[in-house]
Amino acid sequence: MEFYTKYKTFIILGLVSGLVFALIMAGWDSYKEQPFSALKFGLHFVFFGAFNGYMSYRKHKKTNS
């Protein structure tokens, strides 16, 4: 349980940023009249969210060291 409380902010940040990015990219695909792809949406959500969460953690760790 300590892991969750210690990294809760970074997990939430990753989930929110991944969701926002995936929604923006889905909107862009819709604008370009491409069909919606659940796989593409999921990959954008997971990979961008994980990347942003990890980079935020690294920055926080670096500034507080």
C-alpha atoms as a PDB file:
ATOM      1  CA  MET A   1       0.000   0.000   0.000  1.00  0.00           C
ATOM      2  CA  GLU A   2       2.948   2.310   0.554  1.00  0.00           C
ATOM      3  CA  PHE A   3       3.778   2.225  -3.153  1.00  0.00           C
ATOM      4  CA  TYR A   4       0.342   3.572  -4.038  1.00  0.00           C
ATOM      5  CA  THR A   5       0.388   6.405  -1.521  1.00  0.00           C
ATOM      6  CA  LYS A   6       3.961   7.379  -2.379  1.00  0.00           C
ATOM      7  CA  TYR A   7       3.399   7.534  -6.145  1.00  0.00           C
ATOM      8  CA  LYS A   8      -0.309   8.406  -6.235  1.00  0.00           C
ATOM      9  CA  THR A   9       0.291  11.830  -7.799  1.00  0.00           C
ATOM     10  CA  PHE A  10       2.416  10.439 -10.617  1.00  0.00           C
ATOM     11  CA  ILE A  11      -0.050   7.634 -11.359  1.00  0.00           C
ATOM     12  CA  ILE A  12      -2.975  10.068 -11.539  1.00  0.00           C
ATOM     13  CA  LEU A  13      -0.946  12.497 -13.648  1.00  0.00           C
ATOM     14  CA  GLY A  14      -0.077   9.715 -16.085  1.00  0.00           C
ATOM     15  CA  LEU A  15      -3.682   8.547 -16.361  1.00  0.00           C
ATOM     16  CA  VAL A  16      -5.087  12.031 -16.909  1.00  0.00           C
ATOM     17  CA  SER A  17      -2.435  13.110 -19.411  1.00  0.00           C
ATOM     18  CA  GLY A  18      -2.749   9.826 -21.310  1.00  0.00           C
ATOM     19  CA  LEU A  19      -6.518  10.169 -21.499  1.00  0.00           C
ATOM     20  CA  VAL A  20      -6.356  13.785 -22.668  1.00  0.00           C
ATOM     21  CA  PHE A  21      -3.753  12.950 -25.323  1.00  0.00           C
ATOM     22  CA  ALA A  22      -5.762   9.945 -26.546  1.00  0.00           C
ATOM     23  CA  LEU A  23      -8.931  12.050 -26.773  1.00  0.00           C
ATOM     24  CA  ILE A  24      -7.121  14.787 -28.703  1.00  0.00           C
ATOM     25  CA  MET A  25      -5.654  12.255 -31.121  1.00  0.00           C
ATOM     26  CA  ALA A  26      -9.062  10.577 -31.575  1.00  0.00           C
ATOM     27  CA  GLY A  27     -10.531  14.007 -32.318  1.00  0.00           C
ATOM     28  CA  TRP A  28      -7.767  14.671 -34.836  1.00  0.00           C
ATOM     29  CA  ASP A  29      -8.459  11.346 -36.562  1.00  0.00           C
ATOM     30  CA  SER A  30     -12.160  12.210 -36.653  1.00  0.00           C
ATOM     31  CA  TYR A  31     -11.331  15.596 -38.169  1.00  0.00           C
ATOM     32  CA  LYS A  32      -9.272  13.854 -40.850  1.00  0.00           C
ATOM     33  CA  GLU A  33     -12.247  11.524 -41.447  1.00  0.00           C
ATOM     34  CA  GLN A  34     -10.367   8.394 -40.390  1.00  0.00           C
ATOM     35  CA  PRO A  35     -12.263   5.632 -38.587  1.00  0.00           C
ATOM     36  CA  PHE A  36     -12.001   5.342 -34.811  1.00  0.00           C
ATOM     37  CA  SER A  37      -9.517   2.700 -33.694  1.00  0.00           C
ATOM     38  CA  ALA A  38      -9.830   1.379 -30.141  1.00  0.00           C
ATOM     39  CA  LEU A  39      -6.357  -0.137 -30.383  1.00  0.00           C
ATOM     40  CA  LYS A  40      -4.814   3.191 -31.386  1.00  0.00           C
ATOM     41  CA  PHE A  41      -6.741   4.968 -28.608  1.00  0.00           C
ATOM     42  CA  GLY A  42      -5.559   2.433 -26.036  1.00  0.00           C
ATOM     43  CA  LEU A  43      -1.943   2.616 -27.158  1.00  0.00           C
ATOM     44  CA  HIS A  44      -1.947   6.403 -27.053  1.00  0.00           C
ATOM     45  CA  PHE A  45      -3.504   6.318 -23.591  1.00  0.00           C
ATOM     46  CA  VAL A  46      -1.104   3.759 -22.117  1.00  0.00           C
ATOM     47  CA  PHE A  47       2.191   4.786 -23.678  1.00  0.00           C
ATOM     48  CA  PHE A  48       1.803   8.556 -23.469  1.00  0.00           C
ATOM     49  CA  GLY A  49       0.417   8.311 -19.941  1.00  0.00           C
ATOM     50  CA  ALA A  50       3.229   6.042 -18.784  1.00  0.00           C
ATOM     51  CA  PHE A  51       5.834   8.282 -20.393  1.00  0.00           C
ATOM     52  CA  ASN A  52       4.437  11.462 -18.838  1.00  0.00           C
ATOM     53  CA  GLY A  53       4.063   9.864 -15.420  1.00  0.00           C
ATOM     54  CA  TYR A  54       7.620   8.556 -15.510  1.00  0.00           C
ATOM     55  CA  MET A  55       9.093  11.853 -16.699  1.00  0.00           C
ATOM     56  CA  SER A  56       7.229  13.736 -13.960  1.00  0.00           C
ATOM     57  CA  TYR A  57       8.569  11.285 -11.402  1.00  0.00           C
ATOM     58  CA  ARG A  58      12.124  11.745 -12.699  1.00  0.00           C
ATOM     59  CA  LYS A  59      11.846  15.524 -12.564  1.00  0.00           C
ATOM     60  CA  HIS A  60      10.411  15.425  -9.050  1.00  0.00           C
ATOM     61  CA  LYS A  61      13.125  13.035  -7.911  1.00  0.00           C
ATOM     62  CA  LYS A  62      15.870  15.150  -9.494  1.00  0.00           C
ATOM     63  CA  THR A  63      14.692  18.438  -7.952  1.00  0.00           C
ATOM     64  CA  ASN A  64      14.200  16.925  -4.468  1.00  0.00           C
ATOM     65  CA  SER A  65      17.574  15.160  -4.316  1.00  0.00           C
END
